[in-house]
Amino acid sequence: MAYGLVFFSIIVLAPILEEWIFRGFLWYTLSNVFDEKIVLLLVSVIFAACHLDPTLVIGLLPISAYLGWLRMTTGGVKQSIAAHIAHNATGVLITIL
């Protein structure tokens, strides 16, 4: 049961919360000041940097930029949430297998 909660948190809860925070609230806030391409760059770097581990930060920059591109092109966070969930699920499954 505990593993199920951990997997659910990593695969579903974390992506939803992170996307609402970074590509929802932060994106909206920064877009009032900066051009959308600058917002994409800033949010991508901030998102990756918040994961703290330097090797993880470098590896997260491409996926972070992709999630930001989804946000920029669709105007919402639903697609970036779905992609983030798929990314985390893939990582968990690879780790388990």
PDB file of N, CA and C in Angstrom:
ATOM      1  N   MET A   1       0.821  -1.201   0.000  1.00  0.00           N
ATOM      2  CA  MET A   1       0.000   0.000   0.000  1.00  0.00           C
ATOM      3  C   MET A   1       0.862   1.260   0.000  1.00  0.00           C
ATOM      4  N   ALA A   2       1.943   1.258   0.784  1.00  0.00           N
ATOM      5  CA  ALA A   2       2.812   2.440   0.860  1.00  0.00           C
ATOM      6  C   ALA A   2       3.461   2.721  -0.486  1.00  0.00           C
ATOM      7  N   TYR A   3       3.864   1.663  -1.206  1.00  0.00           N
ATOM      8  CA  TYR A   3       4.463   1.866  -2.520  1.00  0.00           C
ATOM      9  C   TYR A   3       3.466   2.488  -3.485  1.00  0.00           C
ATOM     10  N   GLY A   4       2.232   2.065  -3.393  1.00  0.00           N
ATOM     11  CA  GLY A   4       1.185   2.619  -4.255  1.00  0.00           C
ATOM     12  C   GLY A   4       1.021   4.113  -4.048  1.00  0.00           C
ATOM     13  N   LEU A   5       1.064   4.545  -2.806  1.00  0.00           N
ATOM     14  CA  LEU A   5       0.947   5.966  -2.497  1.00  0.00           C
ATOM     15  C   LEU A   5       2.165   6.745  -3.017  1.00  0.00           C
ATOM     16  N   VAL A   6       3.331   6.156  -2.857  1.00  0.00           N
ATOM     17  CA  VAL A   6       4.554   6.801  -3.364  1.00  0.00           C
ATOM     18  C   VAL A   6       4.487   6.923  -4.881  1.00  0.00           C
ATOM     19  N   PHE A   7       4.129   5.844  -5.569  1.00  0.00           N
ATOM     20  CA  PHE A   7       4.046   5.871  -7.024  1.00  0.00           C
ATOM     21  C   PHE A   7       2.987   6.869  -7.496  1.00  0.00           C
ATOM     22  N   PHE A   8       1.835   6.884  -6.837  1.00  0.00           N
ATOM     23  CA  PHE A   8       0.773   7.832  -7.183  1.00  0.00           C
ATOM     24  C   PHE A   8       1.263   9.272  -7.004  1.00  0.00           C
ATOM     25  N   SER A   9       1.988   9.513  -5.931  1.00  0.00           N
ATOM     26  CA  SER A   9       2.509  10.859  -5.666  1.00  0.00           C
ATOM     27  C   SER A   9       3.501  11.295  -6.734  1.00  0.00           C
ATOM     28  N   ILE A  10       4.392  10.378  -7.113  1.00  0.00           N
ATOM     29  CA  ILE A  10       5.413  10.707  -8.112  1.00  0.00           C
ATOM     30  C   ILE A  10       4.809  10.835  -9.503  1.00  0.00           C
ATOM     31  N   ILE A  11       3.905   9.925  -9.842  1.00  0.00           N
ATOM     32  CA  ILE A  11       3.378   9.869 -11.201  1.00  0.00           C
ATOM     33  C   ILE A  11       2.246  10.870 -11.443  1.00  0.00           C
ATOM     34  N   VAL A  12       1.396  11.095 -10.448  1.00  0.00           N
ATOM     35  CA  VAL A  12       0.213  11.930 -10.664  1.00  0.00           C
ATOM     36  C   VAL A  12       0.255  13.249  -9.882  1.00  0.00           C
ATOM     37  N   LEU A  13       0.409  13.179  -8.580  1.00  0.00           N
ATOM     38  CA  LEU A  13       0.306  14.394  -7.763  1.00  0.00           C
ATOM     39  C   LEU A  13       1.407  15.406  -8.054  1.00  0.00           C
ATOM     40  N   ALA A  14       2.656  14.962  -8.073  1.00  0.00           N
ATOM     41  CA  ALA A  14       3.768  15.889  -8.311  1.00  0.00           C
ATOM     42  C   ALA A  14       3.630  16.608  -9.659  1.00  0.00           C
ATOM     43  N   PRO A  15       3.353  15.899 -10.752  1.00  0.00           N
ATOM     44  CA  PRO A  15       3.204  16.613 -12.031  1.00  0.00           C
ATOM     45  C   PRO A  15       2.075  17.643 -12.026  1.00  0.00           C
ATOM     46  N   ILE A  16       0.950  17.295 -11.429  1.00  0.00           N
ATOM     47  CA  ILE A  16      -0.163  18.244 -11.390  1.00  0.00           C
ATOM     48  C   ILE A  16       0.225  19.485 -10.598  1.00  0.00           C
ATOM     49  N   LEU A  17       0.770  19.288  -9.410  1.00  0.00           N
ATOM     50  CA  LEU A  17       1.161  20.431  -8.580  1.00  0.00           C
ATOM     51  C   LEU A  17       2.267  21.250  -9.233  1.00  0.00           C
ATOM     52  N   GLU A  18       3.274  20.586  -9.763  1.00  0.00           N
ATOM     53  CA  GLU A  18       4.379  21.308 -10.395  1.00  0.00           C
ATOM     54  C   GLU A  18       3.919  22.102 -11.609  1.00  0.00           C
ATOM     55  N   GLU A  19       3.057  21.527 -12.418  1.00  0.00           N
ATOM     56  CA  GLU A  19       2.575  22.250 -13.598  1.00  0.00           C
ATOM     57  C   GLU A  19       1.708  23.439 -13.196  1.00  0.00           C
ATOM     58  N   TRP A  20       0.860  23.271 -12.204  1.00  0.00           N
ATOM     59  CA  TRP A  20       0.049  24.412 -11.735  1.00  0.00           C
ATOM     60  C   TRP A  20       0.934  25.528 -11.196  1.00  0.00           C
ATOM     61  N   ILE A  21       1.982  25.151 -10.466  1.00  0.00           N
ATOM     62  CA  ILE A  21       2.881  26.155  -9.888  1.00  0.00           C
ATOM     63  C   ILE A  21       3.733  26.822 -10.965  1.00  0.00           C
ATOM     64  N   PHE A  22       4.452  26.017 -11.749  1.00  0.00           N
ATOM     65  CA  PHE A  22       5.427  26.567 -12.685  1.00  0.00           C
ATOM     66  C   PHE A  22       4.816  27.066 -13.984  1.00  0.00           C
ATOM     67  N   ARG A  23       4.034  26.240 -14.662  1.00  0.00           N
ATOM     68  CA  ARG A  23       3.492  26.647 -15.945  1.00  0.00           C
ATOM     69  C   ARG A  23       2.070  27.188 -15.836  1.00  0.00           C
ATOM     70  N   GLY A  24       1.601  27.320 -14.604  1.00  0.00           N
ATOM     71  CA  GLY A  24       0.342  27.985 -14.322  1.00  0.00           C
ATOM     72  C   GLY A  24       0.616  29.329 -13.676  1.00  0.00           C
ATOM     73  N   PHE A  25       0.805  29.323 -12.357  1.00  0.00           N
ATOM     74  CA  PHE A  25       0.992  30.557 -11.591  1.00  0.00           C
ATOM     75  C   PHE A  25       2.233  31.346 -12.015  1.00  0.00           C
ATOM     76  N   LEU A  26       3.399  30.703 -12.018  1.00  0.00           N
ATOM     77  CA  LEU A  26       4.640  31.416 -12.342  1.00  0.00           C
ATOM     78  C   LEU A  26       4.617  31.922 -13.782  1.00  0.00           C
ATOM     79  N   TRP A  27       4.129  31.085 -14.695  1.00  0.00           N
ATOM     80  CA  TRP A  27       4.044  31.485 -16.105  1.00  0.00           C
ATOM     81  C   TRP A  27       3.166  32.727 -16.241  1.00  0.00           C
ATOM     82  N   TYR A  28       1.994  32.684 -15.627  1.00  0.00           N
ATOM     83  CA  TYR A  28       1.056  33.812 -15.688  1.00  0.00           C
ATOM     84  C   TYR A  28       1.691  35.075 -15.112  1.00  0.00           C
ATOM     85  N   THR A  29       2.341  34.944 -13.962  1.00  0.00           N
ATOM     86  CA  THR A  29       2.958  36.090 -13.297  1.00  0.00           C
ATOM     87  C   THR A  29       4.062  36.705 -14.151  1.00  0.00           C
ATOM     88  N   LEU A  30       4.947  35.863 -14.657  1.00  0.00           N
ATOM     89  CA  LEU A  30       6.055  36.373 -15.474  1.00  0.00           C
ATOM     90  C   LEU A  30       5.583  36.920 -16.820  1.00  0.00           C
ATOM     91  N   SER A  31       4.499  36.378 -17.355  1.00  0.00           N
ATOM     92  CA  SER A  31       4.021  36.836 -18.663  1.00  0.00           C
ATOM     93  C   SER A  31       3.451  38.251 -18.600  1.00  0.00           C
ATOM     94  N   ASN A  32       3.188  38.745 -17.397  1.00  0.00           N
ATOM     95  CA  ASN A  32       2.766  40.136 -17.247  1.00  0.00           C
ATOM     96  C   ASN A  32       3.936  41.096 -17.378  1.00  0.00           C
ATOM     97  N   VAL A  33       5.157  40.570 -17.339  1.00  0.00           N
ATOM     98  CA  VAL A  33       6.359  41.397 -17.372  1.00  0.00           C
ATOM     99  C   VAL A  33       7.215  41.118 -18.610  1.00  0.00           C
ATOM    100  N   PHE A  34       7.296  39.856 -19.014  1.00  0.00           N
ATOM    101  CA  PHE A  34       8.222  39.457 -20.075  1.00  0.00           C
ATOM    102  C   PHE A  34       7.486  38.896 -21.287  1.00  0.00           C
ATOM    103  N   ASP A  35       8.185  38.899 -22.421  1.00  0.00           N
ATOM    104  CA  ASP A  35       7.723  38.246 -23.634  1.00  0.00           C
ATOM    105  C   ASP A  35       7.604  36.743 -23.368  1.00  0.00           C
ATOM    106  N   GLU A  36       6.679  36.083 -24.055  1.00  0.00           N
ATOM    107  CA  GLU A  36       6.396  34.671 -23.784  1.00  0.00           C
ATOM    108  C   GLU A  36       7.608  33.757 -23.994  1.00  0.00           C
ATOM    109  N   LYS A  37       8.473  34.060 -24.940  1.00  0.00           N
ATOM    110  CA  LYS A  37       9.666  33.232 -25.148  1.00  0.00           C
ATOM    111  C   LYS A  37      10.643  33.369 -23.990  1.00  0.00           C
ATOM    112  N   ILE A  38      10.719  34.549 -23.399  1.00  0.00           N
ATOM    113  CA  ILE A  38      11.551  34.753 -22.214  1.00  0.00           C
ATOM    114  C   ILE A  38      10.938  34.006 -21.032  1.00  0.00           C
ATOM    115  N   VAL A  39       9.618  34.039 -20.936  1.00  0.00           N
ATOM    116  CA  VAL A  39       8.927  33.297 -19.876  1.00  0.00           C
ATOM    117  C   VAL A  39       9.214  31.808 -20.014  1.00  0.00           C
ATOM    118  N   LEU A  40       9.171  31.301 -21.232  1.00  0.00           N
ATOM    119  CA  LEU A  40       9.492  29.892 -21.485  1.00  0.00           C
ATOM    120  C   LEU A  40      10.886  29.557 -20.963  1.00  0.00           C
ATOM    121  N   LEU A  41      11.851  30.378 -21.274  1.00  0.00           N
ATOM    122  CA  LEU A  41      13.224  30.156 -20.828  1.00  0.00           C
ATOM    123  C   LEU A  41      13.333  30.240 -19.300  1.00  0.00           C
ATOM    124  N   LEU A  42      12.771  31.290 -18.717  1.00  0.00           N
ATOM    125  CA  LEU A  42      12.859  31.484 -17.267  1.00  0.00           C
ATOM    126  C   LEU A  42      12.185  30.348 -16.492  1.00  0.00           C
ATOM    127  N   VAL A  43      10.973  30.008 -16.884  1.00  0.00           N
ATOM    128  CA  VAL A  43      10.242  28.957 -16.171  1.00  0.00           C
ATOM    129  C   VAL A  43      10.947  27.612 -16.334  1.00  0.00           C
ATOM    130  N   SER A  44      11.477  27.339 -17.511  1.00  0.00           N
ATOM    131  CA  SER A  44      12.188  26.076 -17.736  1.00  0.00           C
ATOM    132  C   SER A  44      13.408  25.968 -16.832  1.00  0.00           C
ATOM    133  N   VAL A  45      14.178  27.029 -16.736  1.00  0.00           N
ATOM    134  CA  VAL A  45      15.381  27.012 -15.901  1.00  0.00           C
ATOM    135  C   VAL A  45      15.017  26.945 -14.424  1.00  0.00           C
ATOM    136  N   ILE A  46      14.033  27.715 -14.004  1.00  0.00           N
ATOM    137  CA  ILE A  46      13.617  27.705 -12.590  1.00  0.00           C
ATOM    138  C   ILE A  46      13.089  26.327 -12.203  1.00  0.00           C
ATOM    139  N   PHE A  47      12.252  25.740 -13.068  1.00  0.00           N
ATOM    140  CA  PHE A  47      11.710  24.403 -12.799  1.00  0.00           C
ATOM    141  C   PHE A  47      12.834  23.389 -12.621  1.00  0.00           C
ATOM    142  N   ALA A  48      13.769  23.375 -13.553  1.00  0.00           N
ATOM    143  CA  ALA A  48      14.878  22.421 -13.480  1.00  0.00           C
ATOM    144  C   ALA A  48      15.729  22.676 -12.235  1.00  0.00           C
ATOM    145  N   ALA A  49      16.032  23.941 -11.959  1.00  0.00           N
ATOM    146  CA  ALA A  49      16.874  24.287 -10.805  1.00  0.00           C
ATOM    147  C   ALA A  49      16.241  23.896  -9.481  1.00  0.00           C
ATOM    148  N   CYS A  50      14.943  23.893  -9.398  1.00  0.00           N
ATOM    149  CA  CYS A  50      14.258  23.524  -8.154  1.00  0.00           C
ATOM    150  C   CYS A  50      14.439  22.050  -7.803  1.00  0.00           C
ATOM    151  N   HIS A  51      14.927  21.260  -8.741  1.00  0.00           N
ATOM    152  CA  HIS A  51      15.165  19.849  -8.456  1.00  0.00           C
ATOM    153  C   HIS A  51      16.535  19.604  -7.824  1.00  0.00           C
ATOM    154  N   LEU A  52      17.325  20.653  -7.669  1.00  0.00           N
ATOM    155  CA  LEU A  52      18.545  20.746  -6.865  1.00  0.00           C
ATOM    156  C   LEU A  52      19.752  19.934  -7.320  1.00  0.00           C
ATOM    157  N   ASP A  53      19.647  18.677  -7.597  1.00  0.00           N
ATOM    158  CA  ASP A  53      20.790  17.851  -7.992  1.00  0.00           C
ATOM    159  C   ASP A  53      21.305  18.330  -9.356  1.00  0.00           C
ATOM    160  N   PRO A  54      22.576  18.772  -9.438  1.00  0.00           N
ATOM    161  CA  PRO A  54      23.093  19.340 -10.696  1.00  0.00           C
ATOM    162  C   PRO A  54      22.930  18.437 -11.917  1.00  0.00           C
ATOM    163  N   THR A  55      23.155  17.142 -11.776  1.00  0.00           N
ATOM    164  CA  THR A  55      22.995  16.259 -12.936  1.00  0.00           C
ATOM    165  C   THR A  55      21.522  16.133 -13.314  1.00  0.00           C
ATOM    166  N   LEU A  56      20.647  16.158 -12.339  1.00  0.00           N
ATOM    167  CA  LEU A  56      19.208  16.105 -12.608  1.00  0.00           C
ATOM    168  C   LEU A  56      18.748  17.402 -13.272  1.00  0.00           C
ATOM    169  N   VAL A  57      19.291  18.522 -12.826  1.00  0.00           N
ATOM    170  CA  VAL A  57      18.932  19.819 -13.406  1.00  0.00           C
ATOM    171  C   VAL A  57      19.253  19.843 -14.893  1.00  0.00           C
ATOM    172  N   ILE A  58      20.430  19.413 -15.264  1.00  0.00           N
ATOM    173  CA  ILE A  58      20.839  19.409 -16.673  1.00  0.00           C
ATOM    174  C   ILE A  58      19.935  18.481 -17.488  1.00  0.00           C
ATOM    175  N   GLY A  59      19.625  17.319 -16.929  1.00  0.00           N
ATOM    176  CA  GLY A  59      18.760  16.373 -17.620  1.00  0.00           C
ATOM    177  C   GLY A  59      17.321  16.838 -17.729  1.00  0.00           C
ATOM    178  N   LEU A  60      16.889  17.679 -16.804  1.00  0.00           N
ATOM    179  CA  LEU A  60      15.507  18.159 -16.818  1.00  0.00           C
ATOM    180  C   LEU A  60      15.279  19.346 -17.743  1.00  0.00           C
ATOM    181  N   LEU A  61      16.329  20.024 -18.131  1.00  0.00           N
ATOM    182  CA  LEU A  61      16.150  21.204 -18.989  1.00  0.00           C
ATOM    183  C   LEU A  61      15.402  20.895 -20.288  1.00  0.00           C
ATOM    184  N   PRO A  62      15.740  19.831 -21.014  1.00  0.00           N
ATOM    185  CA  PRO A  62      14.982  19.557 -22.252  1.00  0.00           C
ATOM    186  C   PRO A  62      13.506  19.252 -22.010  1.00  0.00           C
ATOM    187  N   ILE A  63      13.194  18.424 -21.019  1.00  0.00           N
ATOM    188  CA  ILE A  63      11.783  18.111 -20.759  1.00  0.00           C
ATOM    189  C   ILE A  63      11.057  19.337 -20.240  1.00  0.00           C
ATOM    190  N   SER A  64      11.743  20.141 -19.447  1.00  0.00           N
ATOM    191  CA  SER A  64      11.148  21.373 -18.941  1.00  0.00           C
ATOM    192  C   SER A  64      10.829  22.334 -20.086  1.00  0.00           C
ATOM    193  N   ALA A  65      11.739  22.448 -21.026  1.00  0.00           N
ATOM    194  CA  ALA A  65      11.505  23.301 -22.192  1.00  0.00           C
ATOM    195  C   ALA A  65      10.340  22.768 -23.023  1.00  0.00           C
ATOM    196  N   TYR A  66      10.265  21.448 -23.164  1.00  0.00           N
ATOM    197  CA  TYR A  66       9.149  20.846 -23.909  1.00  0.00           C
ATOM    198  C   TYR A  66       7.817  21.122 -23.216  1.00  0.00           C
ATOM    199  N   LEU A  67       7.774  20.963 -21.896  1.00  0.00           N
ATOM    200  CA  LEU A  67       6.549  21.237 -21.147  1.00  0.00           C
ATOM    201  C   LEU A  67       6.156  22.709 -21.288  1.00  0.00           C
ATOM    202  N   GLY A  68       7.156  23.577 -21.270  1.00  0.00           N
ATOM    203  CA  GLY A  68       6.891  24.999 -21.476  1.00  0.00           C
ATOM    204  C   GLY A  68       6.393  25.288 -22.885  1.00  0.00           C
ATOM    205  N   TRP A  69       6.979  24.604 -23.869  1.00  0.00           N
ATOM    206  CA  TRP A  69       6.517  24.772 -25.243  1.00  0.00           C
ATOM    207  C   TRP A  69       5.048  24.352 -25.371  1.00  0.00           C
ATOM    208  N   LEU A  70       4.685  23.245 -24.718  1.00  0.00           N
ATOM    209  CA  LEU A  70       3.280  22.820 -24.721  1.00  0.00           C
ATOM    210  C   LEU A  70       2.391  23.898 -24.116  1.00  0.00           C
ATOM    211  N   ARG A  71       2.840  24.475 -23.016  1.00  0.00           N
ATOM    212  CA  ARG A  71       2.079  25.538 -22.347  1.00  0.00           C
ATOM    213  C   ARG A  71       1.940  26.738 -23.270  1.00  0.00           C
ATOM    214  N   MET A  72       3.020  27.097 -23.926  1.00  0.00           N
ATOM    215  CA  MET A  72       3.029  28.280 -24.793  1.00  0.00           C
ATOM    216  C   MET A  72       2.143  28.084 -26.018  1.00  0.00           C
ATOM    217  N   THR A  73       2.189  26.911 -26.623  1.00  0.00           N
ATOM    218  CA  THR A  73       1.445  26.685 -27.861  1.00  0.00           C
ATOM    219  C   THR A  73      -0.027  26.368 -27.644  1.00  0.00           C
ATOM    220  N   THR A  74      -0.370  25.827 -26.466  1.00  0.00           N
ATOM    221  CA  THR A  74      -1.773  25.479 -26.227  1.00  0.00           C
ATOM    222  C   THR A  74      -2.505  26.508 -25.375  1.00  0.00           C
ATOM    223  N   GLY A  75      -1.753  27.333 -24.651  1.00  0.00           N
ATOM    224  CA  GLY A  75      -2.378  28.352 -23.823  1.00  0.00           C
ATOM    225  C   GLY A  75      -2.891  27.850 -22.490  1.00  0.00           C
ATOM    226  N   GLY A  76      -2.614  26.594 -22.161  1.00  0.00           N
ATOM    227  CA  GLY A  76      -3.077  26.030 -20.892  1.00  0.00           C
ATOM    228  C   GLY A  76      -2.108  24.992 -20.364  1.00  0.00           C
ATOM    229  N   VAL A  77      -2.448  24.423 -19.224  1.00  0.00           N
ATOM    230  CA  VAL A  77      -1.539  23.463 -18.588  1.00  0.00           C
ATOM    231  C   VAL A  77      -1.976  22.006 -18.741  1.00  0.00           C
ATOM    232  N   LYS A  78      -3.126  21.747 -19.307  1.00  0.00           N
ATOM    233  CA  LYS A  78      -3.603  20.356 -19.409  1.00  0.00           C
ATOM    234  C   LYS A  78      -2.618  19.459 -20.168  1.00  0.00           C
ATOM    235  N   GLN A  79      -2.130  19.942 -21.291  1.00  0.00           N
ATOM    236  CA  GLN A  79      -1.217  19.135 -22.094  1.00  0.00           C
ATOM    237  C   GLN A  79       0.124  18.957 -21.405  1.00  0.00           C
ATOM    238  N   SER A  80       0.605  19.990 -20.734  1.00  0.00           N
ATOM    239  CA  SER A  80       1.879  19.850 -20.030  1.00  0.00           C
ATOM    240  C   SER A  80       1.728  18.924 -18.824  1.00  0.00           C
ATOM    241  N   ILE A  81       0.564  18.918 -18.188  1.00  0.00           N
ATOM    242  CA  ILE A  81       0.314  17.969 -17.093  1.00  0.00           C
ATOM    243  C   ILE A  81       0.343  16.543 -17.629  1.00  0.00           C
ATOM    244  N   ALA A  82      -0.347  16.307 -18.746  1.00  0.00           N
ATOM    245  CA  ALA A  82      -0.387  14.958 -19.326  1.00  0.00           C
ATOM    246  C   ALA A  82       1.016  14.483 -19.722  1.00  0.00           C
ATOM    247  N   ALA A  83       1.798  15.360 -20.338  1.00  0.00           N
ATOM    248  CA  ALA A  83       3.158  14.992 -20.737  1.00  0.00           C
ATOM    249  C   ALA A  83       4.051  14.761 -19.519  1.00  0.00           C
ATOM    250  N   HIS A  84       3.875  15.559 -18.483  1.00  0.00           N
ATOM    251  CA  HIS A  84       4.660  15.414 -17.259  1.00  0.00           C
ATOM    252  C   HIS A  84       4.322  14.088 -16.573  1.00  0.00           C
ATOM    253  N   ILE A  85       3.049  13.736 -16.541  1.00  0.00           N
ATOM    254  CA  ILE A  85       2.627  12.448 -15.973  1.00  0.00           C
ATOM    255  C   ILE A  85       3.256  11.299 -16.763  1.00  0.00           C
ATOM    256  N   ALA A  86       3.215  11.396 -18.086  1.00  0.00           N
ATOM    257  CA  ALA A  86       3.809  10.349 -18.930  1.00  0.00           C
ATOM    258  C   ALA A  86       5.314  10.243 -18.692  1.00  0.00           C
ATOM    259  N   HIS A  87       5.981  11.365 -18.555  1.00  0.00           N
ATOM    260  CA  HIS A  87       7.421  11.379 -18.296  1.00  0.00           C
ATOM    261  C   HIS A  87       7.737  10.709 -16.966  1.00  0.00           C
ATOM    262  N   ASN A  88       7.025  11.096 -15.914  1.00  0.00           N
ATOM    263  CA  ASN A  88       7.279  10.508 -14.590  1.00  0.00           C
ATOM    264  C   ASN A  88       6.924   9.022 -14.565  1.00  0.00           C
ATOM    265  N   ALA A  89       5.837   8.646 -15.222  1.00  0.00           N
ATOM    266  CA  ALA A  89       5.447   7.233 -15.261  1.00  0.00           C
ATOM    267  C   ALA A  89       6.507   6.398 -15.962  1.00  0.00           C
ATOM    268  N   THR A  90       7.049   6.923 -17.047  1.00  0.00           N
ATOM    269  CA  THR A  90       8.107   6.221 -17.763  1.00  0.00           C
ATOM    270  C   THR A  90       9.327   6.032 -16.871  1.00  0.00           C
ATOM    271  N   GLY A  91       9.718   7.075 -16.168  1.00  0.00           N
ATOM    272  CA  GLY A  91      10.860   6.987 -15.255  1.00  0.00           C
ATOM    273  C   GLY A  91      10.650   5.980 -14.146  1.00  0.00           C
ATOM    274  N   VAL A  92       9.443   5.967 -13.565  1.00  0.00           N
ATOM    275  CA  VAL A  92       9.145   5.004 -12.495  1.00  0.00           C
ATOM    276  C   VAL A  92       9.172   3.587 -13.041  1.00  0.00           C
ATOM    277  N   LEU A  93       8.552   3.367 -14.210  1.00  0.00           N
ATOM    278  CA  LEU A  93       8.524   2.017 -14.784  1.00  0.00           C
ATOM    279  C   LEU A  93       9.932   1.535 -15.139  1.00  0.00           C
ATOM    280  N   ILE A  94      10.754   2.397 -15.685  1.00  0.00           N
ATOM    281  CA  ILE A  94      12.128   2.010 -16.014  1.00  0.00           C
ATOM    282  C   ILE A  94      12.892   1.662 -14.735  1.00  0.00           C
ATOM    283  N   THR A  95      12.688   2.439 -13.696  1.00  0.00           N
ATOM    284  CA  THR A  95      13.353   2.178 -12.411  1.00  0.00           C
ATOM    285  C   THR A  95      12.917   0.833 -11.825  1.00  0.00           C
ATOM    286  N   ILE A  96      11.638   0.537 -11.890  1.00  0.00           N
ATOM    287  CA  ILE A  96      11.111  -0.709 -11.338  1.00  0.00           C
ATOM    288  C   ILE A  96      11.604  -1.915 -12.138  1.00  0.00           C
ATOM    289  N   LEU A  97      11.571  -1.791 -13.441  1.00  0.00           N
ATOM    290  CA  LEU A  97      11.947  -2.910 -14.304  1.00  0.00           C
ATOM    291  C   LEU A  97      13.439  -3.054 -14.385  1.00  0.00           C
TER     292      LEU A  97
END
